[in-house]
Amino acid sequence: MKNTTTTTTTRFNHSLYGLSDQDLKNKLTNRVVTYFNTDESTVKNDGVRQFVIKSIDYTGHAKGSGRRFIQGEVQDLDDGGKSKFRTLHVGGIEKVKSRLSTAVTLAKSVYLSKSIC
């Protein structure tokens, strides 16, 4: 899979930055996150994206800016649920859905994709 790095807007979720690497992985893995991207997107015009974080392989801080990021597999809910490898800046993660809300969102996406076919 191709790794794509996205940049973020000025929104900032301070609670995620203070977590240890393991706590961050536990908080985000298998959850739907709302992510704000400042770069142009071929999928959505407004830059607000929805991903399910399937796995986090690496966490770190960018050498140039010092911004914290995660790398791993995501399911892109705005692009038909395709699995992709992404680098996401932690500062761009605005919302993390609960496990129940994530399950409902995934069930809806499966239902909608089957009803379109």
PDB file of N, CA and C in Angstrom:
ATOM      1  N   MET A   1       0.834  -1.185   0.000  1.00  0.00           N
ATOM      2  CA  MET A   1       0.000   0.000   0.000  1.00  0.00           C
ATOM      3  C   MET A   1       0.877   1.247   0.000  1.00  0.00           C
ATOM      4  N   LYS A   2       0.431   2.269  -0.668  1.00  0.00           N
ATOM      5  CA  LYS A   2       1.150   3.531  -0.711  1.00  0.00           C
ATOM      6  C   LYS A   2       0.881   4.323   0.566  1.00  0.00           C
ATOM      7  N   ASN A   3       1.929   4.891   1.145  1.00  0.00           N
ATOM      8  CA  ASN A   3       1.780   5.718   2.341  1.00  0.00           C
ATOM      9  C   ASN A   3       1.626   7.163   1.915  1.00  0.00           C
ATOM     10  N   THR A   4       0.579   7.795   2.370  1.00  0.00           N
ATOM     11  CA  THR A   4       0.347   9.191   2.064  1.00  0.00           C
ATOM     12  C   THR A   4       0.301   9.975   3.365  1.00  0.00           C
ATOM     13  N   THR A   5       1.042  11.068   3.422  1.00  0.00           N
ATOM     14  CA  THR A   5       1.026  11.947   4.592  1.00  0.00           C
ATOM     15  C   THR A   5       0.066  13.083   4.319  1.00  0.00           C
ATOM     16  N   THR A   6      -0.752  13.402   5.294  1.00  0.00           N
ATOM     17  CA  THR A   6      -1.676  14.510   5.141  1.00  0.00           C
ATOM     18  C   THR A   6      -1.327  15.590   6.137  1.00  0.00           C
ATOM     19  N   THR A   7      -1.618  16.828   5.795  1.00  0.00           N
ATOM     20  CA  THR A   7      -1.382  17.921   6.724  1.00  0.00           C
ATOM     21  C   THR A   7      -2.710  18.388   7.291  1.00  0.00           C
ATOM     22  N   THR A   8      -2.639  19.112   8.383  1.00  0.00           N
ATOM     23  CA  THR A   8      -3.847  19.428   9.123  1.00  0.00           C
ATOM     24  C   THR A   8      -4.111  20.915   9.202  1.00  0.00           C
ATOM     25  N   THR A   9      -5.332  21.234   9.615  1.00  0.00           N
ATOM     26  CA  THR A   9      -5.702  22.622   9.864  1.00  0.00           C
ATOM     27  C   THR A   9      -5.200  23.034  11.237  1.00  0.00           C
ATOM     28  N   THR A  10      -5.621  24.167  11.717  1.00  0.00           N
ATOM     29  CA  THR A  10      -5.166  24.658  13.017  1.00  0.00           C
ATOM     30  C   THR A  10      -5.948  24.057  14.185  1.00  0.00           C
ATOM     31  N   ARG A  11      -6.932  23.216  13.938  1.00  0.00           N
ATOM     32  CA  ARG A  11      -7.653  22.559  15.031  1.00  0.00           C
ATOM     33  C   ARG A  11      -6.681  21.664  15.782  1.00  0.00           C
ATOM     34  N   PHE A  12      -6.907  21.491  17.079  1.00  0.00           N
ATOM     35  CA  PHE A  12      -5.923  20.766  17.865  1.00  0.00           C
ATOM     36  C   PHE A  12      -6.588  20.109  19.052  1.00  0.00           C
ATOM     37  N   ASN A  13      -6.474  18.801  19.163  1.00  0.00           N
ATOM     38  CA  ASN A  13      -7.015  18.041  20.278  1.00  0.00           C
ATOM     39  C   ASN A  13      -5.877  17.779  21.269  1.00  0.00           C
ATOM     40  N   HIS A  14      -5.775  18.622  22.289  1.00  0.00           N
ATOM     41  CA  HIS A  14      -4.679  18.539  23.250  1.00  0.00           C
ATOM     42  C   HIS A  14      -4.671  17.224  24.018  1.00  0.00           C
ATOM     43  N   SER A  15      -5.833  16.622  24.238  1.00  0.00           N
ATOM     44  CA  SER A  15      -5.889  15.407  25.058  1.00  0.00           C
ATOM     45  C   SER A  15      -5.134  14.249  24.408  1.00  0.00           C
ATOM     46  N   LEU A  16      -5.066  14.183  23.097  1.00  0.00           N
ATOM     47  CA  LEU A  16      -4.362  13.097  22.428  1.00  0.00           C
ATOM     48  C   LEU A  16      -2.844  13.281  22.482  1.00  0.00           C
ATOM     49  N   TYR A  17      -2.391  14.525  22.453  1.00  0.00           N
ATOM     50  CA  TYR A  17      -0.949  14.787  22.452  1.00  0.00           C
ATOM     51  C   TYR A  17      -0.276  14.335  23.733  1.00  0.00           C
ATOM     52  N   GLY A  18      -0.974  14.375  24.853  1.00  0.00           N
ATOM     53  CA  GLY A  18      -0.378  14.028  26.137  1.00  0.00           C
ATOM     54  C   GLY A  18      -0.339  12.544  26.432  1.00  0.00           C
ATOM     55  N   LEU A  19      -0.924  11.724  25.571  1.00  0.00           N
ATOM     56  CA  LEU A  19      -0.965  10.285  25.820  1.00  0.00           C
ATOM     57  C   LEU A  19       0.365   9.622  25.475  1.00  0.00           C
ATOM     58  N   SER A  20       0.683   8.561  26.195  1.00  0.00           N
ATOM     59  CA  SER A  20       1.852   7.754  25.829  1.00  0.00           C
ATOM     60  C   SER A  20       1.557   7.077  24.490  1.00  0.00           C
ATOM     61  N   ASP A  21       2.594   6.548  23.849  1.00  0.00           N
ATOM     62  CA  ASP A  21       2.386   5.871  22.567  1.00  0.00           C
ATOM     63  C   ASP A  21       1.373   4.740  22.698  1.00  0.00           C
ATOM     64  N   GLN A  22       1.496   3.940  23.760  1.00  0.00           N
ATOM     65  CA  GLN A  22       0.582   2.807  23.938  1.00  0.00           C
ATOM     66  C   GLN A  22      -0.844   3.283  24.221  1.00  0.00           C
ATOM     67  N   ASP A  23      -1.002   4.308  25.044  1.00  0.00           N
ATOM     68  CA  ASP A  23      -2.336   4.837  25.322  1.00  0.00           C
ATOM     69  C   ASP A  23      -2.966   5.439  24.069  1.00  0.00           C
ATOM     70  N   LEU A  24      -2.152   6.089  23.238  1.00  0.00           N
ATOM     71  CA  LEU A  24      -2.656   6.646  21.984  1.00  0.00           C
ATOM     72  C   LEU A  24      -3.143   5.529  21.062  1.00  0.00           C
ATOM     73  N   LYS A  25      -2.372   4.459  20.971  1.00  0.00           N
ATOM     74  CA  LYS A  25      -2.782   3.307  20.155  1.00  0.00           C
ATOM     75  C   LYS A  25      -4.094   2.724  20.684  1.00  0.00           C
ATOM     76  N   ASN A  26      -4.189   2.570  22.001  1.00  0.00           N
ATOM     77  CA  ASN A  26      -5.408   2.019  22.596  1.00  0.00           C
ATOM     78  C   ASN A  26      -6.611   2.925  22.355  1.00  0.00           C
ATOM     79  N   LYS A  27      -6.411   4.213  22.405  1.00  0.00           N
ATOM     80  CA  LYS A  27      -7.495   5.188  22.237  1.00  0.00           C
ATOM     81  C   LYS A  27      -8.018   5.218  20.803  1.00  0.00           C
ATOM     82  N   LEU A  28      -7.122   5.042  19.815  1.00  0.00           N
ATOM     83  CA  LEU A  28      -7.499   5.232  18.415  1.00  0.00           C
ATOM     84  C   LEU A  28      -7.799   3.947  17.639  1.00  0.00           C
ATOM     85  N   THR A  29      -7.168   2.837  18.006  1.00  0.00           N
ATOM     86  CA  THR A  29      -7.312   1.610  17.227  1.00  0.00           C
ATOM     87  C   THR A  29      -8.749   1.098  17.269  1.00  0.00           C
ATOM     88  N   ASN A  30      -9.250   0.758  16.076  1.00  0.00           N
ATOM     89  CA  ASN A  30     -10.624   0.270  15.872  1.00  0.00           C
ATOM     90  C   ASN A  30     -11.671   1.311  16.225  1.00  0.00           C
ATOM     91  N   ARG A  31     -11.346   2.572  16.017  1.00  0.00           N
ATOM     92  CA  ARG A  31     -12.288   3.671  16.251  1.00  0.00           C
ATOM     93  C   ARG A  31     -12.411   4.514  14.987  1.00  0.00           C
ATOM     94  N   VAL A  32     -13.581   5.105  14.817  1.00  0.00           N
ATOM     95  CA  VAL A  32     -13.774   6.084  13.751  1.00  0.00           C
ATOM     96  C   VAL A  32     -13.270   7.422  14.271  1.00  0.00           C
ATOM     97  N   VAL A  33     -12.416   8.065  13.477  1.00  0.00           N
ATOM     98  CA  VAL A  33     -11.921   9.388  13.838  1.00  0.00           C
ATOM     99  C   VAL A  33     -12.333  10.384  12.758  1.00  0.00           C
ATOM    100  N   THR A  34     -12.605  11.603  13.198  1.00  0.00           N
ATOM    101  CA  THR A  34     -12.837  12.715  12.287  1.00  0.00           C
ATOM    102  C   THR A  34     -11.516  13.434  12.154  1.00  0.00           C
ATOM    103  N   TYR A  35     -11.046  13.585  10.920  1.00  0.00           N
ATOM    104  CA  TYR A  35      -9.726  14.138  10.654  1.00  0.00           C
ATOM    105  C   TYR A  35      -9.848  15.346   9.736  1.00  0.00           C
ATOM    106  N   PHE A  36      -9.176  16.424  10.098  1.00  0.00           N
ATOM    107  CA  PHE A  36      -9.200  17.647   9.293  1.00  0.00           C
ATOM    108  C   PHE A  36      -7.906  17.752   8.508  1.00  0.00           C
ATOM    109  N   ASN A  37      -8.036  17.858   7.206  1.00  0.00           N
ATOM    110  CA  ASN A  37      -6.908  17.886   6.292  1.00  0.00           C
ATOM    111  C   ASN A  37      -6.901  19.213   5.539  1.00  0.00           C
ATOM    112  N   THR A  38      -5.758  19.892   5.491  1.00  0.00           N
ATOM    113  CA  THR A  38      -5.698  21.165   4.773  1.00  0.00           C
ATOM    114  C   THR A  38      -5.347  20.993   3.305  1.00  0.00           C
ATOM    115  N   ASP A  39      -4.718  19.886   2.951  1.00  0.00           N
ATOM    116  CA  ASP A  39      -4.397  19.647   1.547  1.00  0.00           C
ATOM    117  C   ASP A  39      -5.662  19.323   0.770  1.00  0.00           C
ATOM    118  N   GLU A  40      -5.598  19.514  -0.543  1.00  0.00           N
ATOM    119  CA  GLU A  40      -6.731  19.145  -1.378  1.00  0.00           C
ATOM    120  C   GLU A  40      -6.931  17.636  -1.320  1.00  0.00           C
ATOM    121  N   SER A  41      -8.172  17.242  -1.381  1.00  0.00           N
ATOM    122  CA  SER A  41      -8.519  15.832  -1.342  1.00  0.00           C
ATOM    123  C   SER A  41      -9.255  15.471  -2.620  1.00  0.00           C
ATOM    124  N   THR A  42      -8.922  14.327  -3.169  1.00  0.00           N
ATOM    125  CA  THR A  42      -9.654  13.855  -4.342  1.00  0.00           C
ATOM    126  C   THR A  42     -10.971  13.211  -3.934  1.00  0.00           C
ATOM    127  N   VAL A  43     -11.149  13.005  -2.638  1.00  0.00           N
ATOM    128  CA  VAL A  43     -12.353  12.324  -2.142  1.00  0.00           C
ATOM    129  C   VAL A  43     -13.396  13.322  -1.638  1.00  0.00           C
ATOM    130  N   LYS A  44     -12.966  14.329  -0.877  1.00  0.00           N
ATOM    131  CA  LYS A  44     -13.910  15.301  -0.309  1.00  0.00           C
ATOM    132  C   LYS A  44     -13.382  16.721  -0.477  1.00  0.00           C
ATOM    133  N   ASN A  45     -14.270  17.642  -0.793  1.00  0.00           N
ATOM    134  CA  ASN A  45     -13.868  19.032  -1.014  1.00  0.00           C
ATOM    135  C   ASN A  45     -13.565  19.785   0.269  1.00  0.00           C
ATOM    136  N   ASP A  46     -14.269  19.480   1.364  1.00  0.00           N
ATOM    137  CA  ASP A  46     -14.112  20.269   2.589  1.00  0.00           C
ATOM    138  C   ASP A  46     -12.936  19.848   3.455  1.00  0.00           C
ATOM    139  N   GLY A  47     -12.268  18.756   3.145  1.00  0.00           N
ATOM    140  CA  GLY A  47     -11.111  18.315   3.914  1.00  0.00           C
ATOM    141  C   GLY A  47     -11.439  17.597   5.203  1.00  0.00           C
ATOM    142  N   VAL A  48     -12.709  17.432   5.533  1.00  0.00           N
ATOM    143  CA  VAL A  48     -13.111  16.717   6.742  1.00  0.00           C
ATOM    144  C   VAL A  48     -13.286  15.253   6.362  1.00  0.00           C
ATOM    145  N   ARG A  49     -12.461  14.399   6.951  1.00  0.00           N
ATOM    146  CA  ARG A  49     -12.434  12.982   6.563  1.00  0.00           C
ATOM    147  C   ARG A  49     -12.831  12.091   7.728  1.00  0.00           C
ATOM    148  N   GLN A  50     -13.311  10.907   7.406  1.00  0.00           N
ATOM    149  CA  GLN A  50     -13.676   9.895   8.395  1.00  0.00           C
ATOM    150  C   GLN A  50     -12.853   8.639   8.113  1.00  0.00           C
ATOM    151  N   PHE A  51     -12.068   8.227   9.101  1.00  0.00           N
ATOM    152  CA  PHE A  51     -11.253   7.024   8.985  1.00  0.00           C
ATOM    153  C   PHE A  51     -11.532   6.104  10.162  1.00  0.00           C
ATOM    154  N   VAL A  52     -11.454   4.801   9.910  1.00  0.00           N
ATOM    155  CA  VAL A  52     -11.360   3.831  10.996  1.00  0.00           C
ATOM    156  C   VAL A  52      -9.883   3.492  11.098  1.00  0.00           C
ATOM    157  N   ILE A  53      -9.308   3.697  12.262  1.00  0.00           N
ATOM    158  CA  ILE A  53      -7.901   3.359  12.477  1.00  0.00           C
ATOM    159  C   ILE A  53      -7.840   1.851  12.744  1.00  0.00           C
ATOM    160  N   LYS A  54      -7.370   1.090  11.765  1.00  0.00           N
ATOM    161  CA  LYS A  54      -7.311  -0.369  11.897  1.00  0.00           C
ATOM    162  C   LYS A  54      -6.089  -0.806  12.704  1.00  0.00           C
ATOM    163  N   SER A  55      -4.965  -0.165  12.464  1.00  0.00           N
ATOM    164  CA  SER A  55      -3.755  -0.486  13.227  1.00  0.00           C
ATOM    165  C   SER A  55      -2.824   0.720  13.198  1.00  0.00           C
ATOM    166  N   ILE A  56      -2.015   0.828  14.240  1.00  0.00           N
ATOM    167  CA  ILE A  56      -0.994   1.874  14.299  1.00  0.00           C
ATOM    168  C   ILE A  56       0.346   1.159  14.405  1.00  0.00           C
ATOM    169  N   ASP A  57       1.151   1.320  13.357  1.00  0.00           N
ATOM    170  CA  ASP A  57       2.448   0.655  13.304  1.00  0.00           C
ATOM    171  C   ASP A  57       3.563   1.485  13.921  1.00  0.00           C
ATOM    172  N   TYR A  58       3.390   2.818  13.907  1.00  0.00           N
ATOM    173  CA  TYR A  58       4.460   3.691  14.373  1.00  0.00           C
ATOM    174  C   TYR A  58       3.870   5.016  14.842  1.00  0.00           C
ATOM    175  N   THR A  59       4.438   5.559  15.903  1.00  0.00           N
ATOM    176  CA  THR A  59       4.108   6.915  16.336  1.00  0.00           C
ATOM    177  C   THR A  59       5.417   7.679  16.459  1.00  0.00           C
ATOM    178  N   GLY A  60       5.370   8.964  16.190  1.00  0.00           N
ATOM    179  CA  GLY A  60       6.588   9.751  16.276  1.00  0.00           C
ATOM    180  C   GLY A  60       6.298  11.231  16.206  1.00  0.00           C
ATOM    181  N   HIS A  61       7.365  12.008  16.114  1.00  0.00           N
ATOM    182  CA  HIS A  61       7.277  13.461  15.981  1.00  0.00           C
ATOM    183  C   HIS A  61       8.061  13.864  14.735  1.00  0.00           C
ATOM    184  N   ALA A  62       7.469  14.717  13.914  1.00  0.00           N
ATOM    185  CA  ALA A  62       8.127  15.184  12.699  1.00  0.00           C
ATOM    186  C   ALA A  62       9.399  15.939  13.054  1.00  0.00           C
ATOM    187  N   LYS A  63      10.469  15.670  12.321  1.00  0.00           N
ATOM    188  CA  LYS A  63      11.753  16.312  12.618  1.00  0.00           C
ATOM    189  C   LYS A  63      11.692  17.813  12.402  1.00  0.00           C
ATOM    190  N   GLY A  64      11.037  18.259  11.348  1.00  0.00           N
ATOM    191  CA  GLY A  64      11.003  19.685  11.037  1.00  0.00           C
ATOM    192  C   GLY A  64      10.087  20.493  11.931  1.00  0.00           C
ATOM    193  N   SER A  65       8.864  20.008  12.103  1.00  0.00           N
ATOM    194  CA  SER A  65       7.855  20.787  12.834  1.00  0.00           C
ATOM    195  C   SER A  65       7.663  20.339  14.275  1.00  0.00           C
ATOM    196  N   GLY A  66       8.073  19.118  14.590  1.00  0.00           N
ATOM    197  CA  GLY A  66       7.864  18.585  15.930  1.00  0.00           C
ATOM    198  C   GLY A  66       6.459  18.053  16.162  1.00  0.00           C
ATOM    199  N   ARG A  67       5.624  18.089  15.114  1.00  0.00           N
ATOM    200  CA  ARG A  67       4.243  17.617  15.282  1.00  0.00           C
ATOM    201  C   ARG A  67       4.193  16.099  15.419  1.00  0.00           C
ATOM    202  N   ARG A  68       3.350  15.644  16.311  1.00  0.00           N
ATOM    203  CA  ARG A  68       3.186  14.215  16.557  1.00  0.00           C
ATOM    204  C   ARG A  68       2.352  13.597  15.440  1.00  0.00           C
ATOM    205  N   PHE A  69       2.710  12.372  15.049  1.00  0.00           N
ATOM    206  CA  PHE A  69       1.977  11.690  13.993  1.00  0.00           C
ATOM    207  C   PHE A  69       1.863  10.201  14.297  1.00  0.00           C
ATOM    208  N   ILE A  70       0.937   9.558  13.594  1.00  0.00           N
ATOM    209  CA  ILE A  70       0.801   8.106  13.641  1.00  0.00           C
ATOM    210  C   ILE A  70       0.889   7.584  12.219  1.00  0.00           C
ATOM    211  N   GLN A  71       1.366   6.352  12.063  1.00  0.00           N
ATOM    212  CA  GLN A  71       1.384   5.683  10.772  1.00  0.00           C
ATOM    213  C   GLN A  71       0.736   4.326  10.943  1.00  0.00           C
ATOM    214  N   GLY A  72      -0.109   3.981   9.993  1.00  0.00           N
ATOM    215  CA  GLY A  72      -0.726   2.670  10.048  1.00  0.00           C
ATOM    216  C   GLY A  72      -1.820   2.501   9.020  1.00  0.00           C
ATOM    217  N   GLU A  73      -2.549   1.409   9.177  1.00  0.00           N
ATOM    218  CA  GLU A  73      -3.619   1.079   8.245  1.00  0.00           C
ATOM    219  C   GLU A  73      -4.918   1.730   8.702  1.00  0.00           C
ATOM    220  N   VAL A  74      -5.587   2.377   7.760  1.00  0.00           N
ATOM    221  CA  VAL A  74      -6.891   2.972   8.026  1.00  0.00           C
ATOM    222  C   VAL A  74      -7.891   2.453   7.006  1.00  0.00           C
ATOM    223  N   GLN A  75      -9.139   2.494   7.380  1.00  0.00           N
ATOM    224  CA  GLN A  75     -10.242   2.226   6.459  1.00  0.00           C
ATOM    225  C   GLN A  75     -10.867   3.578   6.155  1.00  0.00           C
ATOM    226  N   ASP A  76     -10.842   3.971   4.900  1.00  0.00           N
ATOM    227  CA  ASP A  76     -11.302   5.295   4.490  1.00  0.00           C
ATOM    228  C   ASP A  76     -12.812   5.246   4.229  1.00  0.00           C
ATOM    229  N   LEU A  77     -13.595   5.723   5.177  1.00  0.00           N
ATOM    230  CA  LEU A  77     -15.050   5.664   5.056  1.00  0.00           C
ATOM    231  C   LEU A  77     -15.580   6.616   3.990  1.00  0.00           C
ATOM    232  N   ASP A  78     -14.789   7.609   3.616  1.00  0.00           N
ATOM    233  CA  ASP A  78     -15.204   8.548   2.575  1.00  0.00           C
ATOM    234  C   ASP A  78     -14.854   8.048   1.180  1.00  0.00           C
ATOM    235  N   ASP A  79     -14.130   6.950   1.110  1.00  0.00           N
ATOM    236  CA  ASP A  79     -13.710   6.390  -0.174  1.00  0.00           C
ATOM    237  C   ASP A  79     -14.121   4.925  -0.270  1.00  0.00           C
ATOM    238  N   GLY A  80     -15.373   4.658   0.079  1.00  0.00           N
ATOM    239  CA  GLY A  80     -15.923   3.313  -0.065  1.00  0.00           C
ATOM    240  C   GLY A  80     -15.349   2.282   0.882  1.00  0.00           C
ATOM    241  N   GLY A  81     -14.743   2.713   1.974  1.00  0.00           N
ATOM    242  CA  GLY A  81     -14.216   1.768   2.958  1.00  0.00           C
ATOM    243  C   GLY A  81     -12.902   1.126   2.559  1.00  0.00           C
ATOM    244  N   LYS A  82     -12.202   1.690   1.580  1.00  0.00           N
ATOM    245  CA  LYS A  82     -10.934   1.122   1.132  1.00  0.00           C
ATOM    246  C   LYS A  82      -9.896   1.179   2.245  1.00  0.00           C
ATOM    247  N   SER A  83      -9.103   0.099   2.342  1.00  0.00           N
ATOM    248  CA  SER A  83      -7.987   0.079   3.297  1.00  0.00           C
ATOM    249  C   SER A  83      -6.805   0.788   2.670  1.00  0.00           C
ATOM    250  N   LYS A  84      -6.158   1.641   3.467  1.00  0.00           N
ATOM    251  CA  LYS A  84      -5.027   2.424   2.989  1.00  0.00           C
ATOM    252  C   LYS A  84      -4.003   2.540   4.109  1.00  0.00           C
ATOM    253  N   PHE A  85      -2.748   2.760   3.739  1.00  0.00           N
ATOM    254  CA  PHE A  85      -1.710   3.051   4.723  1.00  0.00           C
ATOM    255  C   PHE A  85      -1.549   4.557   4.744  1.00  0.00           C
ATOM    256  N   ARG A  86      -1.654   5.167   5.929  1.00  0.00           N
ATOM    257  CA  ARG A  86      -1.615   6.621   6.036  1.00  0.00           C
ATOM    258  C   ARG A  86      -0.740   7.080   7.196  1.00  0.00           C
ATOM    259  N   THR A  87      -0.203   8.276   7.024  1.00  0.00           N
ATOM    260  CA  THR A  87       0.438   9.006   8.109  1.00  0.00           C
ATOM    261  C   THR A  87      -0.495  10.154   8.439  1.00  0.00           C
ATOM    262  N   LEU A  88      -0.978  10.194   9.674  1.00  0.00           N
ATOM    263  CA  LEU A  88      -1.905  11.239  10.106  1.00  0.00           C
ATOM    264  C   LEU A  88      -1.277  12.028  11.247  1.00  0.00           C
ATOM    265  N   HIS A  89      -1.358  13.344  11.157  1.00  0.00           N
ATOM    266  CA  HIS A  89      -0.895  14.182  12.262  1.00  0.00           C
ATOM    267  C   HIS A  89      -1.927  14.114  13.387  1.00  0.00           C
ATOM    268  N   VAL A  90      -1.474  13.870  14.585  1.00  0.00           N
ATOM    269  CA  VAL A  90      -2.368  13.742  15.735  1.00  0.00           C
ATOM    270  C   VAL A  90      -3.173  15.025  15.925  1.00  0.00           C
ATOM    271  N   GLY A  91      -2.572  16.168  15.638  1.00  0.00           N
ATOM    272  CA  GLY A  91      -3.267  17.442  15.769  1.00  0.00           C
ATOM    273  C   GLY A  91      -4.457  17.593  14.846  1.00  0.00           C
ATOM    274  N   GLY A  92      -4.522  16.787  13.793  1.00  0.00           N
ATOM    275  CA  GLY A  92      -5.642  16.847  12.853  1.00  0.00           C
ATOM    276  C   GLY A  92      -6.821  15.987  13.261  1.00  0.00           C
ATOM    277  N   ILE A  93      -6.651  15.160  14.295  1.00  0.00           N
ATOM    278  CA  ILE A  93      -7.743  14.300  14.760  1.00  0.00           C
ATOM    279  C   ILE A  93      -8.614  15.118  15.698  1.00  0.00           C
ATOM    280  N   GLU A  94      -9.812  15.422  15.238  1.00  0.00           N
ATOM    281  CA  GLU A  94     -10.721  16.285  15.997  1.00  0.00           C
ATOM    282  C   GLU A  94     -11.628  15.486  16.925  1.00  0.00           C
ATOM    283  N   LYS A  95     -12.073  14.334  16.460  1.00  0.00           N
ATOM    284  CA  LYS A  95     -13.058  13.574  17.234  1.00  0.00           C
ATOM    285  C   LYS A  95     -12.739  12.090  17.133  1.00  0.00           C
ATOM    286  N   VAL A  96     -12.897  11.386  18.253  1.00  0.00           N
ATOM    287  CA  VAL A  96     -12.728   9.939  18.299  1.00  0.00           C
ATOM    288  C   VAL A  96     -14.057   9.366  18.776  1.00  0.00           C
ATOM    289  N   LYS A  97     -14.689   8.572  17.925  1.00  0.00           N
ATOM    290  CA  LYS A  97     -15.985   7.993  18.306  1.00  0.00           C
ATOM    291  C   LYS A  97     -15.795   6.847  19.293  1.00  0.00           C
ATOM    292  N   SER A  98     -16.815   6.626  20.116  1.00  0.00           N
ATOM    293  CA  SER A  98     -16.796   5.510  21.066  1.00  0.00           C
ATOM    294  C   SER A  98     -16.860   4.197  20.288  1.00  0.00           C
ATOM    295  N   ARG A  99     -16.594   3.111  20.970  1.00  0.00           N
ATOM    296  CA  ARG A  99     -16.648   1.790  20.303  1.00  0.00           C
ATOM    297  C   ARG A  99     -18.065   1.502  19.791  1.00  0.00           C
ATOM    298  N   LEU A 100     -19.087   1.850  20.560  1.00  0.00           N
ATOM    299  CA  LEU A 100     -20.464   1.617  20.134  1.00  0.00           C
ATOM    300  C   LEU A 100     -20.789   2.461  18.903  1.00  0.00           C
ATOM    301  N   SER A 101     -20.434   3.724  18.937  1.00  0.00           N
ATOM    302  CA  SER A 101     -20.685   4.612  17.805  1.00  0.00           C
ATOM    303  C   SER A 101     -19.915   4.142  16.567  1.00  0.00           C
ATOM    304  N   THR A 102     -18.706   3.646  16.765  1.00  0.00           N
ATOM    305  CA  THR A 102     -17.914   3.101  15.658  1.00  0.00           C
ATOM    306  C   THR A 102     -18.622   1.900  15.046  1.00  0.00           C
ATOM    307  N   ALA A 103     -19.144   1.009  15.890  1.00  0.00           N
ATOM    308  CA  ALA A 103     -19.848  -0.177  15.389  1.00  0.00           C
ATOM    309  C   ALA A 103     -21.074   0.224  14.572  1.00  0.00           C
ATOM    310  N   VAL A 104     -21.809   1.214  15.039  1.00  0.00           N
ATOM    311  CA  VAL A 104     -22.994   1.681  14.315  1.00  0.00           C
ATOM    312  C   VAL A 104     -22.584   2.283  12.973  1.00  0.00           C
ATOM    313  N   THR A 105     -21.545   3.097  12.972  1.00  0.00           N
ATOM    314  CA  THR A 105     -21.068   3.719  11.737  1.00  0.00           C
ATOM    315  C   THR A 105     -20.647   2.660  10.728  1.00  0.00           C
ATOM    316  N   LEU A 106     -19.935   1.637  11.173  1.00  0.00           N
ATOM    317  CA  LEU A 106     -19.497   0.573  10.267  1.00  0.00           C
ATOM    318  C   LEU A 106     -20.675  -0.234   9.740  1.00  0.00           C
ATOM    319  N   ALA A 107     -21.641  -0.510  10.603  1.00  0.00           N
ATOM    320  CA  ALA A 107     -22.832  -1.239  10.159  1.00  0.00           C
ATOM    321  C   ALA A 107     -23.590  -0.455   9.095  1.00  0.00           C
ATOM    322  N   LYS A 108     -23.708   0.845   9.290  1.00  0.00           N
ATOM    323  CA  LYS A 108     -24.381   1.690   8.297  1.00  0.00           C
ATOM    324  C   LYS A 108     -23.627   1.689   6.979  1.00  0.00           C
ATOM    325  N   SER A 109     -22.302   1.763   7.037  1.00  0.00           N
ATOM    326  CA  SER A 109     -21.527   1.814   5.803  1.00  0.00           C
ATOM    327  C   SER A 109     -21.637   0.502   5.037  1.00  0.00           C
ATOM    328  N   VAL A 110     -21.690  -0.629   5.739  1.00  0.00           N
ATOM    329  CA  VAL A 110     -21.861  -1.929   5.074  1.00  0.00           C
ATOM    330  C   VAL A 110     -23.249  -2.014   4.461  1.00  0.00           C
ATOM    331  N   TYR A 111     -24.260  -1.587   5.193  1.00  0.00           N
ATOM    332  CA  TYR A 111     -25.636  -1.617   4.692  1.00  0.00           C
ATOM    333  C   TYR A 111     -25.775  -0.745   3.454  1.00  0.00           C
ATOM    334  N   LEU A 112     -25.233   0.465   3.519  1.00  0.00           N
ATOM    335  CA  LEU A 112     -25.347   1.376   2.388  1.00  0.00           C
ATOM    336  C   LEU A 112     -24.608   0.872   1.174  1.00  0.00           C
ATOM    337  N   SER A 113     -23.447   0.262   1.366  1.00  0.00           N
ATOM    338  CA  SER A 113     -22.684  -0.242   0.227  1.00  0.00           C
ATOM    339  C   SER A 113     -23.392  -1.419  -0.424  1.00  0.00           C
ATOM    340  N   LYS A 114     -24.085  -2.255   0.363  1.00  0.00           N
ATOM    341  CA  LYS A 114     -24.819  -3.393  -0.202  1.00  0.00           C
ATOM    342  C   LYS A 114     -26.107  -2.951  -0.880  1.00  0.00           C
ATOM    343  N   SER A 115     -26.734  -1.881  -0.378  1.00  0.00           N
ATOM    344  CA  SER A 115     -27.982  -1.428  -0.986  1.00  0.00           C
ATOM    345  C   SER A 115     -27.738  -0.709  -2.308  1.00  0.00           C
ATOM    346  N   ILE A 116     -26.523  -0.184  -2.501  1.00  0.00           N
ATOM    347  CA  ILE A 116     -26.190   0.501  -3.756  1.00  0.00           C
ATOM    348  C   ILE A 116     -25.892  -0.514  -4.849  1.00  0.00           C
ATOM    349  N   CYS A 117     -25.306  -1.667  -4.479  1.00  0.00           N
ATOM    350  CA  CYS A 117     -24.908  -2.681  -5.469  1.00  0.00           C
ATOM    351  C   CYS A 117     -26.060  -3.321  -6.150  1.00  0.00           C
TER     352      CYS A 117
END
